[in-house]
Amino acid sequence: MTIQADNRTFHSAWTRSNRVYEKRYNTIVIGMGAMGSATAYYLARRGQRVLGLERFDIPHDMGSSHGYTRIIRMPYYEHPSYVMLLKRSYELWREIEERAGEKLLYVTGSLDIGPADSWVFKGALRSAMEYELEHEALTGLELARRFPGYQLPHEIMALYQPDGGFLAPEKCIIAYCFEAMKHGAEIHGREAVIDWAPLLHGEGVRVRTERAIYEADSLVVTAGAWNDDLLRFLRGLVVPERQALAWFQPGRPEYFRLDNFPVFNLLVDEGRFYGFPVHAVPGFKIGKYHHLHETGHADALSREVTPDDEAILRECVARYFPQATGPTMTLKACLFTNAPDGHFLLDLHPEYPQVSYASACSGHGFKFGSVIGEILADLAQYRQTRHNIELFTHERFQGKSIHHFSGEHGALVPTGNTAVRRHALRAQQREGPPSTVYRASSLAQSSAQRVQEQADRIRSLW
């Protein structure tokens, strides 16, 4: 007997009548990075039997969740809809920080910088005003006087928000894994998943790894840049991209301390950059979004950093941060996984509602790892969530001509009607999300109409 799942065929060893799996779990989570480790914790804390699988070490430096620091910021220029998720994300980061007994979140303030009419500055200002976030608008001259590590054109504008800062990504993942295991989760490093299949009667899944076969009621896929290896419907939609990071020794270290240098996003003629004060490595950290536009399969993208990579980042530092042009301290590469519009993909599988996933966080997802873990735990357990994830469902791309963006959040161009997919959501006896819930991949209006309205909202920001 054979069964078909996600364009793959599995033979009789996978059928219920011929049990070859090692153990039965409530949920299996594939990928123990930011989102997967948080998901494992929130499910285990709810009393679920959880298995977390990671193909590399825990943590590792092959994906998107390393590099000592990841920005967290509140006045979100990408879209105001993110702000409510960010508020919850802050709460959850502080909660896991307290439980783990280790500092994970560092508050330095954040700066979103660009020309006065740029999408970065205007978008951040809109989110700050819409959600009444404390903020200040500073000119480049005012910014240099207040934070002398910044030497930007006087006419440029910066939105300062005091709650911003950074997370320590490796420590965050370790904390979530430790806390998940305290609640009974099993977490396996260096165990790559080969494939998965739904059970014959539509209830649950089987997952085959290099070491064993496992069975569970639900599956969560948080494999980052490798997600489309496990979810074929994402192929061509999510695109891994190589990034390079540099740490340069400051000539004036006092200008780049945590108490004197807010994290930043900077839009200038050379591109869009992001950076951090000195932390963990004795250097000022900087990166460029969509560094060299190098895309491909995650396994094929080089993790080696070249002199050309370094030169691009050093050029920006020399022009805008001249007190940080000392010797190179560290160079690293990481991966983005991009969606065409720059927003997240966070949804149930289009055919198998027992499978949920987070993918294509488009280079700005780590800060949401805690709340996305909570969302994925909801989807795995209840097939719905208390959080508004309408902006992030897969349906927004159905029936559309997809053109991957070249550095900014692109508009979605409808090319035809799209059918409305609905999952039959099972009612469950539970103490869970409040009465207002958001059902992944279930619409009250046509997908085409909703996508057009979303595109109009995004266009109106810039």
Protein backbone atom coordinates (compact mmCIF):
# COMPACT_ATOMS: atom_id res chain seq x y z
CA MET A 1 0.00 0.00 0.00
CA THR A 2 1.20 3.55 -0.72
CA ILE A 3 0.09 6.98 0.37
CA GLN A 4 0.83 10.35 -1.14
CA ALA A 5 1.87 13.36 0.94
CA ASP A 6 3.17 16.70 -0.24
CA ASN A 7 4.16 15.23 -3.63
CA ARG A 8 6.04 12.31 -2.08
CA THR A 9 5.05 8.65 -2.03
CA PHE A 10 5.58 6.46 1.02
CA HIS A 11 5.24 2.71 1.11
CA SER A 12 3.68 0.18 3.43
CA ALA A 13 6.14 0.72 6.28
CA TRP A 14 4.29 3.99 6.89
CA THR A 15 0.80 2.54 7.24
CA ARG A 16 -0.98 2.31 10.57
CA SER A 17 -1.23 -1.49 10.28
CA ASN A 18 2.55 -1.83 10.23
CA ARG A 19 3.88 0.25 13.15
CA VAL A 20 7.58 0.98 12.81
CA TYR A 21 7.76 4.29 14.65
CA GLU A 22 9.68 4.71 17.88
CA LYS A 23 7.25 6.79 19.95
CA ARG A 24 3.94 8.62 19.79
CA TYR A 25 3.82 12.33 20.62
CA ASN A 26 1.20 15.04 20.71
CA THR A 27 3.38 17.30 18.55
CA ILE A 28 6.65 17.04 16.66
CA VAL A 29 8.50 20.29 15.95
CA ILE A 30 11.06 20.28 13.12
CA GLY A 31 13.75 22.91 13.58
CA MET A 32 14.99 24.15 16.95
CA GLY A 33 15.85 27.73 16.06
CA ALA A 34 14.06 30.78 17.43
CA MET A 35 10.51 29.75 16.51
CA GLY A 36 10.84 26.00 16.96
CA SER A 37 12.44 26.12 20.40
CA ALA A 38 9.75 28.53 21.60
CA THR A 39 6.99 26.35 20.13
CA ALA A 40 8.37 23.27 21.88
CA TYR A 41 8.39 25.13 25.18
CA TYR A 42 4.85 26.51 24.98
CA LEU A 43 3.44 23.13 23.99
CA ALA A 44 5.36 21.27 26.69
CA ARG A 45 4.29 23.83 29.26
CA ARG A 46 0.68 23.06 28.34
CA GLY A 47 1.28 19.41 29.15
CA GLN A 48 1.83 18.09 25.62
CA ARG A 49 4.25 15.30 24.78
CA VAL A 50 6.65 17.13 22.47
CA LEU A 51 9.56 16.04 20.30
CA GLY A 52 11.88 18.71 18.88
CA LEU A 53 14.18 17.74 16.01
CA GLU A 54 17.19 19.72 14.76
CA ARG A 55 19.48 18.67 11.92
CA PHE A 56 22.44 20.69 13.26
CA ASP A 57 23.75 21.49 16.73
CA ILE A 58 21.59 23.38 19.23
CA PRO A 59 22.23 26.25 18.72
CA HIS A 60 24.12 26.39 15.41
CA ASP A 61 25.48 28.94 12.95
CA MET A 62 24.14 27.55 9.67
CA GLY A 63 20.79 29.34 9.58
CA SER A 64 19.20 32.57 10.79
CA SER A 65 19.43 32.43 14.59
CA HIS A 66 23.02 33.25 15.47
CA GLY A 67 25.44 36.16 15.59
CA TYR A 68 25.20 37.21 19.27
CA THR A 69 22.55 39.93 18.73
CA ARG A 70 19.17 40.33 17.03
CA ILE A 71 17.29 43.64 16.96
CA ILE A 72 13.97 44.07 18.71
CA ARG A 73 12.05 47.30 18.03
CA MET A 74 8.52 48.49 18.58
CA PRO A 75 7.52 51.21 16.00
CA TYR A 76 7.44 48.77 13.11
CA TYR A 77 7.99 50.47 9.75
CA GLU A 78 7.12 47.30 7.81
CA HIS A 79 3.44 47.50 8.87
CA PRO A 80 1.55 48.70 11.97
CA SER A 81 -0.12 45.27 12.25
CA TYR A 82 3.09 43.90 13.76
CA VAL A 83 2.96 46.16 16.83
CA MET A 84 0.41 44.14 18.82
CA LEU A 85 2.44 41.00 18.22
CA LEU A 86 5.54 42.86 19.36
CA LYS A 87 3.90 43.88 22.61
CA ARG A 88 3.14 40.25 23.36
CA SER A 89 6.60 39.25 22.21
CA TYR A 90 8.22 41.58 24.73
CA GLU A 91 6.05 40.08 27.49
CA LEU A 92 7.05 36.56 26.56
CA TRP A 93 10.76 37.33 26.21
CA ARG A 94 10.77 38.84 29.69
CA GLU A 95 8.88 35.85 31.03
CA ILE A 96 11.30 33.28 29.61
CA GLU A 97 14.21 35.46 30.74
CA GLU A 98 12.90 35.32 34.29
CA ARG A 99 12.26 31.58 34.15
CA ALA A 100 15.71 30.88 32.72
CA GLY A 101 17.45 33.21 35.15
CA GLU A 102 19.60 34.67 32.39
CA LYS A 103 19.57 38.04 30.64
CA LEU A 104 18.24 37.67 27.10
CA LEU A 105 16.80 41.11 26.27
CA TYR A 106 18.94 44.25 26.32
CA VAL A 107 17.19 47.64 26.06
CA THR A 108 19.26 50.29 24.27
CA GLY A 109 16.58 52.24 22.43
CA SER A 110 16.08 51.91 18.68
CA LEU A 111 16.50 54.23 15.71
CA ASP A 112 14.72 53.98 12.35
CA ILE A 113 16.61 56.34 10.07
CA GLY A 114 16.10 57.59 6.54
CA PRO A 115 15.08 60.58 4.45
CA ALA A 116 12.01 62.36 5.82
CA ASP A 117 9.81 60.91 3.06
CA SER A 118 11.29 57.40 3.19
CA TRP A 119 9.26 54.30 3.96
CA VAL A 120 11.53 53.49 6.91
CA PHE A 121 11.07 56.80 8.74
CA LYS A 122 7.43 57.37 7.73
CA GLY A 123 6.46 53.78 8.47
CA ALA A 124 8.05 53.84 11.92
CA LEU A 125 6.43 57.20 12.68
CA ARG A 126 3.03 55.90 11.60
CA SER A 127 3.26 52.84 13.84
CA ALA A 128 4.46 54.94 16.78
CA MET A 129 1.59 57.39 16.39
CA GLU A 130 -1.08 54.76 15.71
CA TYR A 131 -0.17 52.81 18.86
CA GLU A 132 0.79 55.86 20.96
CA LEU A 133 4.34 54.65 21.49
CA GLU A 134 6.79 56.96 23.18
CA HIS A 135 9.06 58.38 20.47
CA GLU A 136 11.15 61.32 19.31
CA ALA A 137 11.91 62.53 15.79
CA LEU A 138 15.52 63.68 15.45
CA THR A 139 17.46 65.28 12.61
CA GLY A 140 20.86 63.91 11.71
CA LEU A 141 22.49 66.80 13.54
CA GLU A 142 20.41 66.24 16.68
CA LEU A 143 21.19 62.54 16.51
CA ALA A 144 24.96 63.15 16.37
CA ARG A 145 24.80 65.47 19.37
CA ARG A 146 22.87 62.95 21.42
CA PHE A 147 24.59 59.77 20.23
CA PRO A 148 28.01 60.77 18.84
CA GLY A 149 28.69 57.37 17.31
CA TYR A 150 26.28 58.42 14.54
CA GLN A 151 27.60 60.89 11.94
CA LEU A 152 24.79 61.13 9.39
CA PRO A 153 23.69 63.84 6.94
CA HIS A 154 22.07 66.67 8.90
CA GLU A 155 18.86 66.54 6.88
CA ILE A 156 18.23 62.84 7.50
CA MET A 157 15.49 61.92 10.00
CA ALA A 158 15.61 59.36 12.80
CA LEU A 159 12.76 58.02 14.91
CA TYR A 160 14.03 57.19 18.38
CA GLN A 161 12.01 54.80 20.54
CA PRO A 162 13.33 53.96 24.02
CA ASP A 163 11.98 50.37 24.26
CA GLY A 164 14.10 48.99 21.42
CA GLY A 165 17.21 46.92 21.86
CA PHE A 166 18.45 43.46 21.06
CA LEU A 167 18.11 39.82 22.00
CA ALA A 168 20.96 37.34 22.52
CA PRO A 169 19.81 34.69 19.99
CA GLU A 170 21.93 31.72 20.99
CA LYS A 171 21.04 32.23 24.65
CA CYS A 172 17.35 32.58 23.77
CA ILE A 173 17.32 29.24 21.98
CA ILE A 174 19.19 27.51 24.78
CA ALA A 175 16.80 28.99 27.36
CA TYR A 176 13.70 27.81 25.48
CA CYS A 177 15.16 24.33 24.99
CA PHE A 178 16.12 23.98 28.66
CA GLU A 179 12.70 25.16 29.81
CA ALA A 180 10.92 22.88 27.32
CA MET A 181 12.89 19.89 28.61
CA LYS A 182 12.03 20.82 32.19
CA HIS A 183 8.39 20.37 31.15
CA GLY A 184 9.07 16.97 29.61
CA ALA A 185 9.89 17.79 25.98
CA GLU A 186 12.40 15.59 24.17
CA ILE A 187 14.82 17.56 22.01
CA HIS A 188 17.25 15.87 19.61
CA GLY A 189 20.15 17.65 17.93
CA ARG A 190 21.93 16.32 14.86
CA GLU A 191 18.90 14.34 13.72
CA ALA A 192 17.90 15.39 10.22
CA VAL A 193 14.34 14.80 9.00
CA ILE A 194 14.13 12.90 5.74
CA ASP A 195 10.39 13.26 5.10
CA TRP A 196 6.95 13.14 6.67
CA ALA A 197 3.50 11.84 5.76
CA PRO A 198 -0.04 12.21 7.08
CA LEU A 199 -1.64 9.17 8.64
CA LEU A 200 -4.14 7.38 6.43
CA HIS A 201 -7.26 8.60 8.20
CA GLY A 202 -6.20 12.24 8.30
CA GLU A 203 -5.36 12.26 11.99
CA GLY A 204 -1.73 12.90 12.79
CA VAL A 205 1.56 12.43 10.97
CA ARG A 206 4.59 10.21 10.74
CA VAL A 207 8.07 11.72 10.55
CA ARG A 208 11.09 9.82 9.28
CA THR A 209 14.57 10.93 10.35
CA GLU A 210 18.05 9.54 9.82
CA ARG A 211 17.67 7.66 13.10
CA ALA A 212 14.04 6.66 13.61
CA ILE A 213 10.40 7.05 12.67
CA TYR A 214 8.03 8.95 14.95
CA GLU A 215 4.30 9.54 15.07
CA ALA A 216 2.35 12.51 16.42
CA ASP A 217 -1.05 14.15 16.38
CA SER A 218 0.40 17.40 15.00
CA LEU A 219 3.49 18.57 13.16
CA VAL A 220 5.07 22.03 13.28
CA VAL A 221 7.66 22.88 10.62
CA THR A 222 10.07 25.66 11.61
CA ALA A 223 13.02 24.61 9.49
CA GLY A 224 13.85 28.13 8.32
CA ALA A 225 15.70 28.21 5.01
CA TRP A 226 15.05 24.45 4.63
CA ASN A 227 11.27 24.71 4.99
CA ASP A 228 10.57 24.21 1.30
CA ASP A 229 12.40 20.86 1.41
CA LEU A 230 9.64 19.65 3.74
CA LEU A 231 6.74 21.74 2.41
CA ARG A 232 6.82 21.49 -1.36
CA PHE A 233 4.03 24.02 -1.88
CA LEU A 234 6.46 26.71 -0.65
CA ARG A 235 8.97 26.06 -3.43
CA GLY A 236 9.56 29.15 -5.52
CA LEU A 237 7.69 31.22 -2.95
CA VAL A 238 10.25 31.35 -0.13
CA VAL A 239 13.80 32.15 -1.16
CA PRO A 240 16.91 31.70 1.03
CA GLU A 241 19.41 34.54 0.74
CA ARG A 242 22.96 34.84 2.02
CA GLN A 243 23.82 37.70 4.40
CA ALA A 244 27.18 38.92 5.71
CA LEU A 245 27.91 40.53 9.07
CA ALA A 246 30.96 42.39 10.34
CA TRP A 247 32.25 43.55 13.71
CA PHE A 248 34.71 46.48 13.58
CA GLN A 249 36.74 47.74 16.52
CA PRO A 250 35.70 51.28 17.49
CA GLY A 251 38.31 53.99 17.77
CA ARG A 252 36.10 55.62 20.41
CA PRO A 253 34.66 52.67 22.37
CA GLU A 254 32.65 54.95 24.64
CA TYR A 255 30.50 55.99 21.67
CA PHE A 256 29.39 52.41 21.04
CA ARG A 257 28.50 51.22 24.54
CA LEU A 258 25.05 49.82 25.25
CA ASP A 259 24.10 52.98 27.13
CA ASN A 260 25.23 55.31 24.36
CA PHE A 261 24.39 53.63 21.06
CA PRO A 262 20.83 52.55 20.17
CA VAL A 263 20.32 49.74 17.67
CA PHE A 264 19.42 51.03 14.23
CA ASN A 265 17.89 50.49 10.83
CA LEU A 266 19.36 52.95 8.33
CA LEU A 267 18.17 53.68 4.79
CA VAL A 268 20.74 55.62 2.75
CA ASP A 269 21.87 55.80 -0.87
CA GLU A 270 24.09 52.74 -0.41
CA GLY A 271 21.20 50.57 0.79
CA ARG A 272 19.50 49.59 4.02
CA PHE A 273 21.76 48.71 6.96
CA TYR A 274 21.30 47.59 10.55
CA GLY A 275 23.63 47.66 13.50
CA PHE A 276 24.29 47.24 17.21
CA PRO A 277 26.44 48.54 20.05
CA VAL A 278 29.42 46.52 21.20
CA HIS A 279 28.27 43.29 22.85
CA ALA A 280 29.74 39.78 23.19
CA VAL A 281 32.41 40.57 20.55
CA PRO A 282 34.75 43.59 20.96
CA GLY A 283 33.38 45.30 17.90
CA PHE A 284 30.53 47.39 16.49
CA LYS A 285 28.27 45.08 14.47
CA ILE A 286 26.79 46.02 11.10
CA GLY A 287 24.93 44.24 8.31
CA LYS A 288 23.25 45.19 5.05
CA TYR A 289 19.82 43.91 4.04
CA HIS A 290 19.98 41.79 0.86
CA HIS A 291 23.74 42.12 0.99
CA LEU A 292 24.75 40.88 -2.49
CA HIS A 293 21.34 39.46 -3.47
CA GLU A 294 22.80 35.94 -3.41
CA THR A 295 19.96 33.43 -3.38
CA GLY A 296 19.69 29.68 -3.76
CA HIS A 297 19.16 26.50 -1.79
CA ALA A 298 20.30 26.85 1.81
CA ASP A 299 22.88 24.08 1.43
CA ALA A 300 24.44 25.79 -1.60
CA LEU A 301 24.89 29.26 -0.09
CA SER A 302 28.39 29.90 1.21
CA ARG A 303 28.92 30.57 4.91
CA GLU A 304 32.43 31.88 4.22
CA VAL A 305 32.83 35.66 4.32
CA THR A 306 34.93 37.26 1.59
CA PRO A 307 36.95 40.49 1.29
CA ASP A 308 34.17 41.85 -0.94
CA ASP A 309 31.63 41.26 1.84
CA GLU A 310 33.85 43.09 4.30
CA ALA A 311 34.48 45.99 1.92
CA ILE A 312 30.76 46.69 1.43
CA LEU A 313 30.19 46.94 5.17
CA ARG A 314 33.37 48.85 5.89
CA GLU A 315 32.44 51.46 3.27
CA CYS A 316 29.18 52.20 5.10
CA VAL A 317 30.95 52.40 8.45
CA ALA A 318 33.58 54.80 7.11
CA ARG A 319 30.93 57.18 5.82
CA TYR A 320 28.33 57.11 8.61
CA PHE A 321 30.15 55.72 11.69
CA PRO A 322 33.70 57.05 11.30
CA GLN A 323 34.62 56.35 14.93
CA ALA A 324 34.22 52.59 14.33
CA THR A 325 36.64 52.00 11.47
CA GLY A 326 39.25 50.06 13.43
CA PRO A 327 40.47 46.52 12.78
CA THR A 328 38.01 43.81 11.82
CA MET A 329 37.17 41.67 14.83
CA THR A 330 34.74 39.09 13.41
CA LEU A 331 33.02 38.25 10.11
CA LYS A 332 30.06 35.89 9.83
CA ALA A 333 27.41 34.83 7.34
CA CYS A 334 23.78 33.98 8.00
CA LEU A 335 20.63 33.36 5.97
CA PHE A 336 17.43 35.25 5.33
CA THR A 337 14.40 33.40 3.97
CA ASN A 338 12.35 35.89 1.98
CA ALA A 339 8.72 36.04 0.92
CA PRO A 340 7.76 38.13 -2.13
CA ASP A 341 6.16 40.90 -0.06
CA GLY A 342 8.65 40.82 2.81
CA HIS A 343 6.05 39.66 5.34
CA PHE A 344 5.93 36.39 7.27
CA LEU A 345 4.32 33.11 6.26
CA LEU A 346 2.53 31.64 9.27
CA ASP A 347 -0.29 29.20 8.59
CA LEU A 348 -1.72 25.70 8.48
CA HIS A 349 -0.76 23.36 5.64
CA PRO A 350 -3.18 23.83 2.70
CA GLU A 351 -4.12 20.13 2.69
CA TYR A 352 -3.33 18.82 6.16
CA PRO A 353 -4.54 21.04 9.03
CA GLN A 354 -2.61 18.92 11.53
CA VAL A 355 0.54 20.52 10.04
CA SER A 356 1.43 24.15 10.74
CA TYR A 357 4.50 26.15 9.85
CA ALA A 358 6.38 29.42 10.12
CA SER A 359 8.55 30.38 7.20
CA ALA A 360 9.97 33.28 5.28
CA CYS A 361 10.41 35.72 8.12
CA SER A 362 12.26 37.83 5.55
CA GLY A 363 15.12 38.95 7.75
CA HIS A 364 13.07 40.51 10.53
CA GLY A 365 11.61 37.55 12.41
CA PHE A 366 13.79 36.71 15.41
CA LYS A 367 12.27 39.38 17.64
CA PHE A 368 8.90 37.66 17.13
CA GLY A 369 10.23 34.21 18.01
CA SER A 370 8.52 34.12 21.38
CA VAL A 371 5.07 35.12 20.16
CA ILE A 372 5.34 33.01 17.00
CA GLY A 373 6.11 30.07 19.28
CA GLU A 374 2.88 30.80 21.14
CA ILE A 375 0.96 31.11 17.86
CA LEU A 376 2.33 27.84 16.50
CA ALA A 377 1.51 26.11 19.77
CA ASP A 378 -2.07 27.35 19.35
CA LEU A 379 -2.24 26.12 15.75
CA ALA A 380 -0.79 22.73 16.65
CA GLN A 381 -3.15 22.23 19.57
CA TYR A 382 -6.32 24.03 18.49
CA ARG A 383 -5.92 24.79 14.72
CA GLN A 384 -6.59 28.44 15.58
CA THR A 385 -4.96 31.21 17.58
CA ARG A 386 -5.83 34.18 19.73
CA HIS A 387 -3.43 36.35 17.70
CA ASN A 388 -4.25 38.17 14.48
CA ILE A 389 -2.22 36.45 11.75
CA GLU A 390 -4.34 37.42 8.75
CA LEU A 391 -1.44 39.35 7.20
CA PHE A 392 0.72 36.22 7.21
CA THR A 393 -1.41 33.45 5.67
CA HIS A 394 -0.39 31.57 2.54
CA GLU A 395 -3.66 32.44 0.80
CA ARG A 396 -2.47 35.95 0.01
CA PHE A 397 -0.29 34.45 -2.74
CA GLN A 398 -2.84 32.09 -4.30
CA GLY A 399 -3.56 32.91 -7.92
CA LYS A 400 -1.02 35.73 -7.91
CA SER A 401 1.93 36.46 -10.14
CA ILE A 402 4.85 36.33 -7.72
CA HIS A 403 7.80 38.68 -8.21
CA HIS A 404 10.36 38.56 -5.45
CA PHE A 405 11.14 41.92 -3.97
CA SER A 406 14.51 43.61 -4.30
CA GLY A 407 14.98 44.99 -0.83
CA GLU A 408 11.66 46.59 0.12
CA HIS A 409 8.19 45.33 0.88
CA GLY A 410 6.63 44.67 -2.50
CA ALA A 411 3.04 45.03 -3.60
CA LEU A 412 0.96 41.98 -4.49
CA VAL A 413 -0.50 42.11 -7.97
CA PRO A 414 -3.68 40.01 -8.37
CA THR A 415 -3.86 38.09 -11.65
CA GLY A 416 -7.11 36.24 -11.21
CA ASN A 417 -9.65 34.79 -8.82
CA THR A 418 -8.63 32.37 -6.12
CA ALA A 419 -10.68 29.71 -4.44
CA VAL A 420 -11.41 30.01 -0.75
CA ARG A 421 -9.86 27.20 1.25
CA ARG A 422 -11.44 26.29 4.52
CA HIS A 423 -10.32 23.78 7.05
CA ALA A 424 -12.95 22.02 9.13
CA LEU A 425 -11.75 23.04 12.58
CA ARG A 426 -12.46 20.55 15.30
CA ALA A 427 -14.00 21.86 18.50
CA GLN A 428 -11.95 20.82 21.49
CA GLN A 429 -12.61 20.83 25.21
CA ARG A 430 -9.96 23.20 26.48
CA GLU A 431 -8.97 26.21 28.48
CA GLY A 432 -7.30 28.16 25.73
CA PRO A 433 -7.54 31.25 23.59
CA PRO A 434 -10.25 33.83 24.33
CA SER A 435 -13.45 34.02 22.32
CA THR A 436 -11.88 36.17 19.60
CA VAL A 437 -9.72 33.81 17.58
CA TYR A 438 -8.14 33.92 14.13
CA ARG A 439 -8.47 30.83 12.03
CA ALA A 440 -5.57 30.22 9.70
CA SER A 441 -6.54 29.97 6.03
CA SER A 442 -10.23 30.66 6.61
CA LEU A 443 -11.78 33.81 5.15
CA ALA A 444 -15.02 35.72 5.55
CA GLN A 445 -14.45 37.28 2.13
CA SER A 446 -12.75 36.12 -1.04
CA SER A 447 -9.00 35.69 -0.92
CA ALA A 448 -8.58 37.93 -3.96
CA GLN A 449 -10.46 40.76 -2.31
CA ARG A 450 -8.49 40.44 0.91
CA VAL A 451 -5.14 40.35 -0.89
CA GLN A 452 -6.05 43.44 -2.90
CA GLU A 453 -7.07 45.30 0.25
CA GLN A 454 -3.83 44.24 1.94
CA ALA A 455 -1.79 45.42 -1.03
CA ASP A 456 -3.61 48.76 -0.96
CA ARG A 457 -2.87 49.12 2.75
CA ILE A 458 0.81 48.39 2.20
CA ARG A 459 1.04 50.85 -0.71
CA SER A 460 -0.63 53.57 1.35
CA LEU A 461 2.23 53.51 3.85
CA TRP A 462 4.91 54.63 1.48
